[in-house]
Amino acid sequence: MSRKKVGVKGFVDMLVEGLSPHTVLDEIDNFIDFAVFAEAFDVAQSKSSRGRPSYPPLLMFKILLVQVLYNLSDEKISEALADR
């Protein structure tokens, strides 16, 4: 049997009120200037025409950051990426 949590807003409540869900990841994105990392990764990235194309280095850095923050295994982060 499910019970309604009093005082806790759901997703629909936030949409109705015009609020957007704000997460820790949004705060990190606002706090860290990822452009600095993007420049460093662009300099270090080697271009290879062989094999499957790789993920962009900045995206991989962000994935690893989320993996560490949420203490996710390689399998769990892979599942989360496939899910989203």
PDB file of N, CA and C in Angstrom:
ATOM      1  N   MET A   1       0.845  -1.169   0.000  1.00  0.00           N
ATOM      2  CA  MET A   1       0.000   0.000   0.000  1.00  0.00           C
ATOM      3  C   MET A   1       0.895   1.237   0.000  1.00  0.00           C
ATOM      4  N   SER A   2       0.665   2.125  -0.934  1.00  0.00           N
ATOM      5  CA  SER A   2       1.489   3.327  -0.981  1.00  0.00           C
ATOM      6  C   SER A   2       0.824   4.444  -0.185  1.00  0.00           C
ATOM      7  N   ARG A   3       1.651   5.296   0.351  1.00  0.00           N
ATOM      8  CA  ARG A   3       1.160   6.428   1.137  1.00  0.00           C
ATOM      9  C   ARG A   3       1.742   7.704   0.571  1.00  0.00           C
ATOM     10  N   LYS A   4       0.955   8.735   0.597  1.00  0.00           N
ATOM     11  CA  LYS A   4       1.403  10.023   0.107  1.00  0.00           C
ATOM     12  C   LYS A   4       2.263  10.691   1.169  1.00  0.00           C
ATOM     13  N   LYS A   5       3.405  11.203   0.753  1.00  0.00           N
ATOM     14  CA  LYS A   5       4.283  11.931   1.664  1.00  0.00           C
ATOM     15  C   LYS A   5       3.819  13.379   1.720  1.00  0.00           C
ATOM     16  N   VAL A   6       3.446  13.819   2.867  1.00  0.00           N
ATOM     17  CA  VAL A   6       2.930  15.171   3.032  1.00  0.00           C
ATOM     18  C   VAL A   6       4.087  16.164   2.982  1.00  0.00           C
ATOM     19  N   GLY A   7       3.919  17.217   2.187  1.00  0.00           N
ATOM     20  CA  GLY A   7       4.929  18.261   2.107  1.00  0.00           C
ATOM     21  C   GLY A   7       5.998  18.016   1.067  1.00  0.00           C
ATOM     22  N   VAL A   8       6.031  16.844   0.455  1.00  0.00           N
ATOM     23  CA  VAL A   8       7.014  16.533  -0.570  1.00  0.00           C
ATOM     24  C   VAL A   8       6.363  16.759  -1.928  1.00  0.00           C
ATOM     25  N   LYS A   9       6.972  17.616  -2.718  1.00  0.00           N
ATOM     26  CA  LYS A   9       6.423  17.938  -4.033  1.00  0.00           C
ATOM     27  C   LYS A   9       6.865  16.906  -5.060  1.00  0.00           C
ATOM     28  N   GLY A  10       5.950  16.525  -5.905  1.00  0.00           N
ATOM     29  CA  GLY A  10       6.262  15.622  -6.997  1.00  0.00           C
ATOM     30  C   GLY A  10       6.630  16.396  -8.244  1.00  0.00           C
ATOM     31  N   PHE A  11       6.975  15.673  -9.289  1.00  0.00           N
ATOM     32  CA  PHE A  11       7.378  16.295 -10.542  1.00  0.00           C
ATOM     33  C   PHE A  11       6.243  17.133 -11.136  1.00  0.00           C
ATOM     34  N   VAL A  12       5.033  16.599 -11.103  1.00  0.00           N
ATOM     35  CA  VAL A  12       3.888  17.324 -11.656  1.00  0.00           C
ATOM     36  C   VAL A  12       3.622  18.599 -10.857  1.00  0.00           C
ATOM     37  N   ASP A  13       3.783  18.526  -9.535  1.00  0.00           N
ATOM     38  CA  ASP A  13       3.601  19.726  -8.706  1.00  0.00           C
ATOM     39  C   ASP A  13       4.564  20.829  -9.121  1.00  0.00           C
ATOM     40  N   MET A  14       5.813  20.447  -9.406  1.00  0.00           N
ATOM     41  CA  MET A  14       6.807  21.438  -9.810  1.00  0.00           C
ATOM     42  C   MET A  14       6.480  22.033 -11.175  1.00  0.00           C
ATOM     43  N   LEU A  15       5.970  21.195 -12.081  1.00  0.00           N
ATOM     44  CA  LEU A  15       5.599  21.706 -13.396  1.00  0.00           C
ATOM     45  C   LEU A  15       4.439  22.688 -13.300  1.00  0.00           C
ATOM     46  N   VAL A  16       3.479  22.355 -12.450  1.00  0.00           N
ATOM     47  CA  VAL A  16       2.313  23.220 -12.293  1.00  0.00           C
ATOM     48  C   VAL A  16       2.722  24.562 -11.706  1.00  0.00           C
ATOM     49  N   GLU A  17       3.644  24.530 -10.760  1.00  0.00           N
ATOM     50  CA  GLU A  17       4.094  25.765 -10.123  1.00  0.00           C
ATOM     51  C   GLU A  17       5.140  26.505 -10.939  1.00  0.00           C
ATOM     52  N   GLY A  18       5.572  25.936 -12.044  1.00  0.00           N
ATOM     53  CA  GLY A  18       6.567  26.599 -12.890  1.00  0.00           C
ATOM     54  C   GLY A  18       7.986  26.427 -12.390  1.00  0.00           C
ATOM     55  N   LEU A  19       8.197  25.479 -11.491  1.00  0.00           N
ATOM     56  CA  LEU A  19       9.543  25.226 -10.969  1.00  0.00           C
ATOM     57  C   LEU A  19      10.176  24.093 -11.756  1.00  0.00           C
ATOM     58  N   SER A  20      11.471  24.126 -11.847  1.00  0.00           N
ATOM     59  CA  SER A  20      12.172  23.011 -12.467  1.00  0.00           C
ATOM     60  C   SER A  20      12.944  22.260 -11.385  1.00  0.00           C
ATOM     61  N   PRO A  21      13.041  20.940 -11.511  1.00  0.00           N
ATOM     62  CA  PRO A  21      13.792  20.194 -10.514  1.00  0.00           C
ATOM     63  C   PRO A  21      15.269  20.594 -10.564  1.00  0.00           C
ATOM     64  N   HIS A  22      15.846  20.925  -9.435  1.00  0.00           N
ATOM     65  CA  HIS A  22      17.233  21.374  -9.350  1.00  0.00           C
ATOM     66  C   HIS A  22      18.036  20.286  -8.646  1.00  0.00           C
ATOM     67  N   THR A  23      19.097  19.825  -9.283  1.00  0.00           N
ATOM     68  CA  THR A  23      19.872  18.730  -8.720  1.00  0.00           C
ATOM     69  C   THR A  23      21.276  19.188  -8.356  1.00  0.00           C
ATOM     70  N   VAL A  24      21.967  18.307  -7.686  1.00  0.00           N
ATOM     71  CA  VAL A  24      23.368  18.556  -7.334  1.00  0.00           C
ATOM     72  C   VAL A  24      24.201  18.718  -8.599  1.00  0.00           C
ATOM     73  N   LEU A  25      23.851  17.968  -9.643  1.00  0.00           N
ATOM     74  CA  LEU A  25      24.600  18.063 -10.890  1.00  0.00           C
ATOM     75  C   LEU A  25      24.442  19.438 -11.535  1.00  0.00           C
ATOM     76  N   ASP A  26      23.271  20.049 -11.376  1.00  0.00           N
ATOM     77  CA  ASP A  26      23.085  21.422 -11.869  1.00  0.00           C
ATOM     78  C   ASP A  26      23.986  22.389 -11.118  1.00  0.00           C
ATOM     79  N   GLU A  27      24.094  22.200  -9.806  1.00  0.00           N
ATOM     80  CA  GLU A  27      24.964  23.073  -9.005  1.00  0.00           C
ATOM     81  C   GLU A  27      26.421  22.903  -9.403  1.00  0.00           C
ATOM     82  N   ILE A  28      26.834  21.669  -9.650  1.00  0.00           N
ATOM     83  CA  ILE A  28      28.213  21.416 -10.066  1.00  0.00           C
ATOM     84  C   ILE A  28      28.483  22.064 -11.417  1.00  0.00           C
ATOM     85  N   ASP A  29      27.527  21.956 -12.330  1.00  0.00           N
ATOM     86  CA  ASP A  29      27.689  22.554 -13.653  1.00  0.00           C
ATOM     87  C   ASP A  29      27.810  24.077 -13.555  1.00  0.00           C
ATOM     88  N   ASN A  30      27.074  24.684 -12.634  1.00  0.00           N
ATOM     89  CA  ASN A  30      27.165  26.129 -12.439  1.00  0.00           C
ATOM     90  C   ASN A  30      28.445  26.538 -11.723  1.00  0.00           C
ATOM     91  N   PHE A  31      28.966  25.655 -10.873  1.00  0.00           N
ATOM     92  CA  PHE A  31      30.128  25.977 -10.048  1.00  0.00           C
ATOM     93  C   PHE A  31      31.451  25.782 -10.796  1.00  0.00           C
ATOM     94  N   ILE A  32      31.533  24.734 -11.606  1.00  0.00           N
ATOM     95  CA  ILE A  32      32.781  24.394 -12.297  1.00  0.00           C
ATOM     96  C   ILE A  32      32.730  24.908 -13.733  1.00  0.00           C
ATOM     97  N   ASP A  33      33.796  25.571 -14.146  1.00  0.00           N
ATOM     98  CA  ASP A  33      33.913  26.032 -15.528  1.00  0.00           C
ATOM     99  C   ASP A  33      34.541  24.908 -16.350  1.00  0.00           C
ATOM    100  N   PHE A  34      33.689  24.133 -17.018  1.00  0.00           N
ATOM    101  CA  PHE A  34      34.172  22.984 -17.770  1.00  0.00           C
ATOM    102  C   PHE A  34      34.882  23.387 -19.057  1.00  0.00           C
ATOM    103  N   ALA A  35      34.799  24.652 -19.453  1.00  0.00           N
ATOM    104  CA  ALA A  35      35.492  25.122 -20.649  1.00  0.00           C
ATOM    105  C   ALA A  35      37.006  24.993 -20.481  1.00  0.00           C
ATOM    106  N   VAL A  36      37.492  25.188 -19.263  1.00  0.00           N
ATOM    107  CA  VAL A  36      38.929  25.040 -18.989  1.00  0.00           C
ATOM    108  C   VAL A  36      39.365  23.605 -19.254  1.00  0.00           C
ATOM    109  N   PHE A  37      38.550  22.648 -18.796  1.00  0.00           N
ATOM    110  CA  PHE A  37      38.874  21.245 -19.019  1.00  0.00           C
ATOM    111  C   PHE A  37      38.763  20.899 -20.501  1.00  0.00           C
ATOM    112  N   ALA A  38      37.766  21.450 -21.179  1.00  0.00           N
ATOM    113  CA  ALA A  38      37.578  21.171 -22.608  1.00  0.00           C
ATOM    114  C   ALA A  38      38.802  21.601 -23.407  1.00  0.00           C
ATOM    115  N   GLU A  39      39.353  22.762 -23.078  1.00  0.00           N
ATOM    116  CA  GLU A  39      40.557  23.236 -23.768  1.00  0.00           C
ATOM    117  C   GLU A  39      41.727  22.296 -23.521  1.00  0.00           C
ATOM    118  N   ALA A  40      41.893  21.875 -22.278  1.00  0.00           N
ATOM    119  CA  ALA A  40      43.000  20.970 -21.952  1.00  0.00           C
ATOM    120  C   ALA A  40      42.840  19.622 -22.655  1.00  0.00           C
ATOM    121  N   PHE A  41      41.611  19.116 -22.714  1.00  0.00           N
ATOM    122  CA  PHE A  41      41.379  17.833 -23.376  1.00  0.00           C
ATOM    123  C   PHE A  41      41.564  17.942 -24.878  1.00  0.00           C
ATOM    124  N   ASP A  42      41.201  19.066 -25.469  1.00  0.00           N
ATOM    125  CA  ASP A  42      41.375  19.251 -26.907  1.00  0.00           C
ATOM    126  C   ASP A  42      42.855  19.246 -27.280  1.00  0.00           C
ATOM    127  N   VAL A  43      43.681  19.811 -26.438  1.00  0.00           N
ATOM    128  CA  VAL A  43      45.122  19.837 -26.693  1.00  0.00           C
ATOM    129  C   VAL A  43      45.697  18.433 -26.582  1.00  0.00           C
ATOM    130  N   ALA A  44      45.234  17.667 -25.585  1.00  0.00           N
ATOM    131  CA  ALA A  44      45.798  16.348 -25.322  1.00  0.00           C
ATOM    132  C   ALA A  44      45.225  15.250 -26.210  1.00  0.00           C
ATOM    133  N   GLN A  45      44.081  15.495 -26.833  1.00  0.00           N
ATOM    134  CA  GLN A  45      43.410  14.451 -27.605  1.00  0.00           C
ATOM    135  C   GLN A  45      44.128  14.199 -28.916  1.00  0.00           C
ATOM    136  N   SER A  46      44.379  12.919 -29.171  1.00  0.00           N
ATOM    137  CA  SER A  46      44.994  12.554 -30.451  1.00  0.00           C
ATOM    138  C   SER A  46      43.904  12.068 -31.398  1.00  0.00           C
ATOM    139  N   LYS A  47      44.036  12.417 -32.647  1.00  0.00           N
ATOM    140  CA  LYS A  47      43.064  12.016 -33.661  1.00  0.00           C
ATOM    141  C   LYS A  47      43.551  10.735 -34.323  1.00  0.00           C
ATOM    142  N   SER A  48      42.723   9.717 -34.265  1.00  0.00           N
ATOM    143  CA  SER A  48      43.057   8.449 -34.900  1.00  0.00           C
ATOM    144  C   SER A  48      41.922   8.059 -35.833  1.00  0.00           C
ATOM    145  N   SER A  49      42.277   7.606 -36.995  1.00  0.00           N
ATOM    146  CA  SER A  49      41.262   7.214 -37.965  1.00  0.00           C
ATOM    147  C   SER A  49      40.921   5.733 -37.861  1.00  0.00           C
ATOM    148  N   ARG A  50      41.611   5.024 -36.985  1.00  0.00           N
ATOM    149  CA  ARG A  50      41.376   3.593 -36.846  1.00  0.00           C
ATOM    150  C   ARG A  50      40.439   3.315 -35.683  1.00  0.00           C
ATOM    151  N   GLY A  51      39.664   2.275 -35.829  1.00  0.00           N
ATOM    152  CA  GLY A  51      38.791   1.835 -34.751  1.00  0.00           C
ATOM    153  C   GLY A  51      37.510   2.636 -34.646  1.00  0.00           C
ATOM    154  N   ARG A  52      36.772   2.313 -33.614  1.00  0.00           N
ATOM    155  CA  ARG A  52      35.492   2.965 -33.368  1.00  0.00           C
ATOM    156  C   ARG A  52      35.722   4.360 -32.798  1.00  0.00           C
ATOM    157  N   PRO A  53      34.900   5.335 -33.184  1.00  0.00           N
ATOM    158  CA  PRO A  53      35.073   6.691 -32.634  1.00  0.00           C
ATOM    159  C   PRO A  53      34.897   6.694 -31.116  1.00  0.00           C
ATOM    160  N   SER A  54      35.726   7.454 -30.455  1.00  0.00           N
ATOM    161  CA  SER A  54      35.668   7.501 -28.997  1.00  0.00           C
ATOM    162  C   SER A  54      34.679   8.559 -28.529  1.00  0.00           C
ATOM    163  N   TYR A  55      34.310   8.465 -27.254  1.00  0.00           N
ATOM    164  CA  TYR A  55      33.495   9.507 -26.647  1.00  0.00           C
ATOM    165  C   TYR A  55      34.330  10.775 -26.546  1.00  0.00           C
ATOM    166  N   PRO A  56      33.707  11.931 -26.597  1.00  0.00           N
ATOM    167  CA  PRO A  56      34.462  13.169 -26.376  1.00  0.00           C
ATOM    168  C   PRO A  56      35.097  13.160 -24.980  1.00  0.00           C
ATOM    169  N   PRO A  57      36.340  13.606 -24.855  1.00  0.00           N
ATOM    170  CA  PRO A  57      37.034  13.552 -23.563  1.00  0.00           C
ATOM    171  C   PRO A  57      36.305  14.300 -22.446  1.00  0.00           C
ATOM    172  N   LEU A  58      35.692  15.438 -22.742  1.00  0.00           N
ATOM    173  CA  LEU A  58      34.979  16.177 -21.704  1.00  0.00           C
ATOM    174  C   LEU A  58      33.788  15.377 -21.191  1.00  0.00           C
ATOM    175  N   LEU A  59      33.097  14.698 -22.078  1.00  0.00           N
ATOM    176  CA  LEU A  59      31.973  13.858 -21.672  1.00  0.00           C
ATOM    177  C   LEU A  59      32.457  12.719 -20.774  1.00  0.00           C
ATOM    178  N   MET A  60      33.568  12.097 -21.132  1.00  0.00           N
ATOM    179  CA  MET A  60      34.124  11.023 -20.299  1.00  0.00           C
ATOM    180  C   MET A  60      34.521  11.539 -18.924  1.00  0.00           C
ATOM    181  N   PHE A  61      35.076  12.743 -18.867  1.00  0.00           N
ATOM    182  CA  PHE A  61      35.448  13.353 -17.589  1.00  0.00           C
ATOM    183  C   PHE A  61      34.209  13.553 -16.721  1.00  0.00           C
ATOM    184  N   LYS A  62      33.129  14.041 -17.324  1.00  0.00           N
ATOM    185  CA  LYS A  62      31.887  14.255 -16.567  1.00  0.00           C
ATOM    186  C   LYS A  62      31.296  12.928 -16.105  1.00  0.00           C
ATOM    187  N   ILE A  63      31.382  11.905 -16.939  1.00  0.00           N
ATOM    188  CA  ILE A  63      30.894  10.578 -16.557  1.00  0.00           C
ATOM    189  C   ILE A  63      31.680  10.047 -15.364  1.00  0.00           C
ATOM    190  N   LEU A  64      32.990  10.195 -15.407  1.00  0.00           N
ATOM    191  CA  LEU A  64      33.814   9.746 -14.281  1.00  0.00           C
ATOM    192  C   LEU A  64      33.526  10.542 -13.014  1.00  0.00           C
ATOM    193  N   LEU A  65      33.245  11.821 -13.163  1.00  0.00           N
ATOM    194  CA  LEU A  65      32.887  12.653 -12.020  1.00  0.00           C
ATOM    195  C   LEU A  65      31.591  12.154 -11.372  1.00  0.00           C
ATOM    196  N   VAL A  66      30.594  11.872 -12.179  1.00  0.00           N
ATOM    197  CA  VAL A  66      29.327  11.339 -11.659  1.00  0.00           C
ATOM    198  C   VAL A  66      29.554   9.972 -11.017  1.00  0.00           C
ATOM    199  N   GLN A  67      30.390   9.160 -11.628  1.00  0.00           N
ATOM    200  CA  GLN A  67      30.675   7.829 -11.094  1.00  0.00           C
ATOM    201  C   GLN A  67      31.290   7.915  -9.704  1.00  0.00           C
ATOM    202  N   VAL A  68      32.201   8.844  -9.504  1.00  0.00           N
ATOM    203  CA  VAL A  68      32.838   9.010  -8.197  1.00  0.00           C
ATOM    204  C   VAL A  68      31.863   9.609  -7.193  1.00  0.00           C
ATOM    205  N   LEU A  69      31.104  10.628  -7.601  1.00  0.00           N
ATOM    206  CA  LEU A  69      30.176  11.286  -6.688  1.00  0.00           C
ATOM    207  C   LEU A  69      29.107  10.341  -6.157  1.00  0.00           C
ATOM    208  N   TYR A  70      28.606   9.475  -7.013  1.00  0.00           N
ATOM    209  CA  TYR A  70      27.531   8.571  -6.626  1.00  0.00           C
ATOM    210  C   TYR A  70      28.015   7.161  -6.307  1.00  0.00           C
ATOM    211  N   ASN A  71      29.334   6.973  -6.265  1.00  0.00           N
ATOM    212  CA  ASN A  71      29.945   5.697  -5.900  1.00  0.00           C
ATOM    213  C   ASN A  71      29.369   4.552  -6.751  1.00  0.00           C
ATOM    214  N   LEU A  72      29.420   4.723  -8.065  1.00  0.00           N
ATOM    215  CA  LEU A  72      28.872   3.740  -8.991  1.00  0.00           C
ATOM    216  C   LEU A  72      29.982   2.877  -9.578  1.00  0.00           C
ATOM    217  N   SER A  73      29.689   1.605  -9.740  1.00  0.00           N
ATOM    218  CA  SER A  73      30.639   0.713 -10.398  1.00  0.00           C
ATOM    219  C   SER A  73      30.612   0.984 -11.895  1.00  0.00           C
ATOM    220  N   ASP A  74      31.552   0.396 -12.618  1.00  0.00           N
ATOM    221  CA  ASP A  74      31.580   0.559 -14.067  1.00  0.00           C
ATOM    222  C   ASP A  74      30.295   0.016 -14.694  1.00  0.00           C
ATOM    223  N   GLU A  75      29.805  -1.106 -14.157  1.00  0.00           N
ATOM    224  CA  GLU A  75      28.578  -1.699 -14.686  1.00  0.00           C
ATOM    225  C   GLU A  75      27.376  -0.786 -14.446  1.00  0.00           C
ATOM    226  N   LYS A  76      27.292  -0.196 -13.253  1.00  0.00           N
ATOM    227  CA  LYS A  76      26.152   0.666 -12.916  1.00  0.00           C
ATOM    228  C   LYS A  76      26.155   1.954 -13.738  1.00  0.00           C
ATOM    229  N   ILE A  77      27.323   2.553 -13.948  1.00  0.00           N
ATOM    230  CA  ILE A  77      27.367   3.779 -14.752  1.00  0.00           C
ATOM    231  C   ILE A  77      27.048   3.447 -16.209  1.00  0.00           C
ATOM    232  N   SER A  78      27.461   2.277 -16.662  1.00  0.00           N
ATOM    233  CA  SER A  78      27.141   1.851 -18.027  1.00  0.00           C
ATOM    234  C   SER A  78      25.632   1.657 -18.193  1.00  0.00           C
ATOM    235  N   GLU A  79      24.994   1.061 -17.186  1.00  0.00           N
ATOM    236  CA  GLU A  79      23.539   0.892 -17.220  1.00  0.00           C
ATOM    237  C   GLU A  79      22.838   2.249 -17.205  1.00  0.00           C
ATOM    238  N   ALA A  80      23.324   3.171 -16.381  1.00  0.00           N
ATOM    239  CA  ALA A  80      22.714   4.497 -16.300  1.00  0.00           C
ATOM    240  C   ALA A  80      22.853   5.239 -17.621  1.00  0.00           C
ATOM    241  N   LEU A  81      23.991   5.125 -18.272  1.00  0.00           N
ATOM    242  CA  LEU A  81      24.191   5.781 -19.571  1.00  0.00           C
ATOM    243  C   LEU A  81      23.296   5.177 -20.645  1.00  0.00           C
ATOM    244  N   ALA A  82      23.146   3.857 -20.617  1.00  0.00           N
ATOM    245  CA  ALA A  82      22.284   3.197 -21.597  1.00  0.00           C
ATOM    246  C   ALA A  82      20.818   3.555 -21.357  1.00  0.00           C
ATOM    247  N   ASP A  83      20.472   3.761 -20.089  1.00  0.00           N
ATOM    248  CA  ASP A  83      19.092   4.098 -19.723  1.00  0.00           C
ATOM    249  C   ASP A  83      18.738   5.530 -20.125  1.00  0.00           C
ATOM    250  N   ARG A  84      19.705   6.429 -20.081  1.00  0.00           N
ATOM    251  CA  ARG A  84      19.432   7.831 -20.340  1.00  0.00           C
ATOM    252  C   ARG A  84      20.086   8.279 -21.623  1.00  0.00           C
TER     253      ARG A  84
END
